[in-house]
C-alpha atoms as a PDB file:
ATOM      1  CA  MET A   1      19.756 -18.190 -23.449  1.00  0.00           C
ATOM      2  CA  ASP A   2      18.959 -15.371 -26.046  1.00  0.00           C
ATOM      3  CA  GLN A   3      20.494 -11.879 -26.190  1.00  0.00           C
ATOM      4  CA  SER A   4      18.040 -10.243 -23.847  1.00  0.00           C
ATOM      5  CA  ASP A   5      18.701 -12.997 -21.127  1.00  0.00           C
ATOM      6  CA  GLU A   6      22.572 -12.346 -21.651  1.00  0.00           C
ATOM      7  CA  VAL A   7      22.149  -8.623 -21.301  1.00  0.00           C
ATOM      8  CA  GLU A   8      19.907  -9.079 -18.152  1.00  0.00           C
ATOM      9  CA  ALA A   9      22.569 -11.443 -16.675  1.00  0.00           C
ATOM     10  CA  LEU A  10      25.385  -9.042 -17.430  1.00  0.00           C
ATOM     11  CA  THR A  11      23.430  -6.127 -16.032  1.00  0.00           C
ATOM     12  CA  ALA A  12      22.718  -7.997 -12.851  1.00  0.00           C
ATOM     13  CA  GLY A  13      26.310  -8.949 -12.392  1.00  0.00           C
ATOM     14  CA  TRP A  14      27.396  -5.329 -12.993  1.00  0.00           C
ATOM     15  CA  ALA A  15      24.866  -4.226 -10.414  1.00  0.00           C
ATOM     16  CA  ILE A  16      25.993  -6.715  -7.858  1.00  0.00           C
ATOM     17  CA  GLY A  17      29.729  -5.685  -8.407  1.00  0.00           C
ATOM     18  CA  LEU A  18      28.776  -2.002  -8.288  1.00  0.00           C
ATOM     19  CA  HIS A  19      26.915  -2.550  -4.976  1.00  0.00           C
ATOM     20  CA  GLU A  20      29.914  -4.362  -3.495  1.00  0.00           C
ATOM     21  CA  ALA A  21      32.156  -1.691  -4.610  1.00  0.00           C
ATOM     22  CA  LEU A  22      29.965   0.927  -3.040  1.00  0.00           C
ATOM     23  CA  ASN A  23      29.832  -0.917   0.170  1.00  0.00           C
ATOM     24  CA  GLU A  24      33.676  -1.069   0.183  1.00  0.00           C
ATOM     25  CA  ILE A  25      33.909   2.704  -0.237  1.00  0.00           C
ATOM     26  CA  GLU A  26      31.323   3.191   2.488  1.00  0.00           C
ATOM     27  CA  ARG A  27      33.598   1.022   4.814  1.00  0.00           C
ATOM     28  CA  HIS A  28      36.665   3.107   3.898  1.00  0.00           C
ATOM     29  CA  LEU A  29      34.806   6.400   4.478  1.00  0.00           C
ATOM     30  CA  THR A  30      33.497   5.189   7.861  1.00  0.00           C
ATOM     31  CA  GLU A  31      37.059   4.286   8.790  1.00  0.00           C
ATOM     32  CA  ALA A  32      38.360   7.669   7.536  1.00  0.00           C
ATOM     33  CA  GLN A  33      35.674   9.435   9.622  1.00  0.00           C
ATOM     34  CA  ARG A  34      36.677   7.639  12.763  1.00  0.00           C
ATOM     35  CA  GLY A  35      40.260   8.753  12.221  1.00  0.00           C
ATOM     36  CA  LEU A  36      39.191  12.176  11.682  1.00  0.00           C
ATOM     37  CA  ASP A  37      37.175  12.065  14.961  1.00  0.00           C
ATOM     38  CA  SER A  38      40.186  10.828  16.740  1.00  0.00           C
ATOM     39  CA  ALA A  39      42.406  13.395  15.322  1.00  0.00           C
ATOM     40  CA  ARG A  40      39.982  16.074  16.323  1.00  0.00           C
ATOM     41  CA  GLU A  41      39.795  14.710  19.929  1.00  0.00           C
ATOM     42  CA  ALA A  42      43.525  14.623  20.056  1.00  0.00           C
ATOM     43  CA  LEU A  43      43.758  18.269  19.030  1.00  0.00           C
ATOM     44  CA  ARG A  44      41.167  19.211  21.525  1.00  0.00           C
ATOM     45  CA  GLU A  45      43.212  17.499  24.160  1.00  0.00           C
ATOM     46  CA  LEU A  46      46.485  19.106  23.095  1.00  0.00           C
ATOM     47  CA  GLU A  47      44.659  22.648  23.157  1.00  0.00           C
ATOM     48  CA  ARG A  48      43.312  21.811  26.579  1.00  0.00           C
ATOM     49  CA  LEU A  49      46.786  20.800  27.933  1.00  0.00           C
ATOM     50  CA  ARG A  50      48.351  23.862  26.217  1.00  0.00           C
ATOM     51  CA  ASP A  51      45.962  26.358  27.973  1.00  0.00           C
END
């Protein structure tokens, strides 16, 4: 394996790791969005009950 092969392998590994990290961030953001949606719905319900 020459230096360019090593660089290519490292770059591929880095890209895979970055892709996995971005997928994890997306999962967390999706969960956070669901939580916000639930909180908004709860606030709407409280406002409805208050009126």
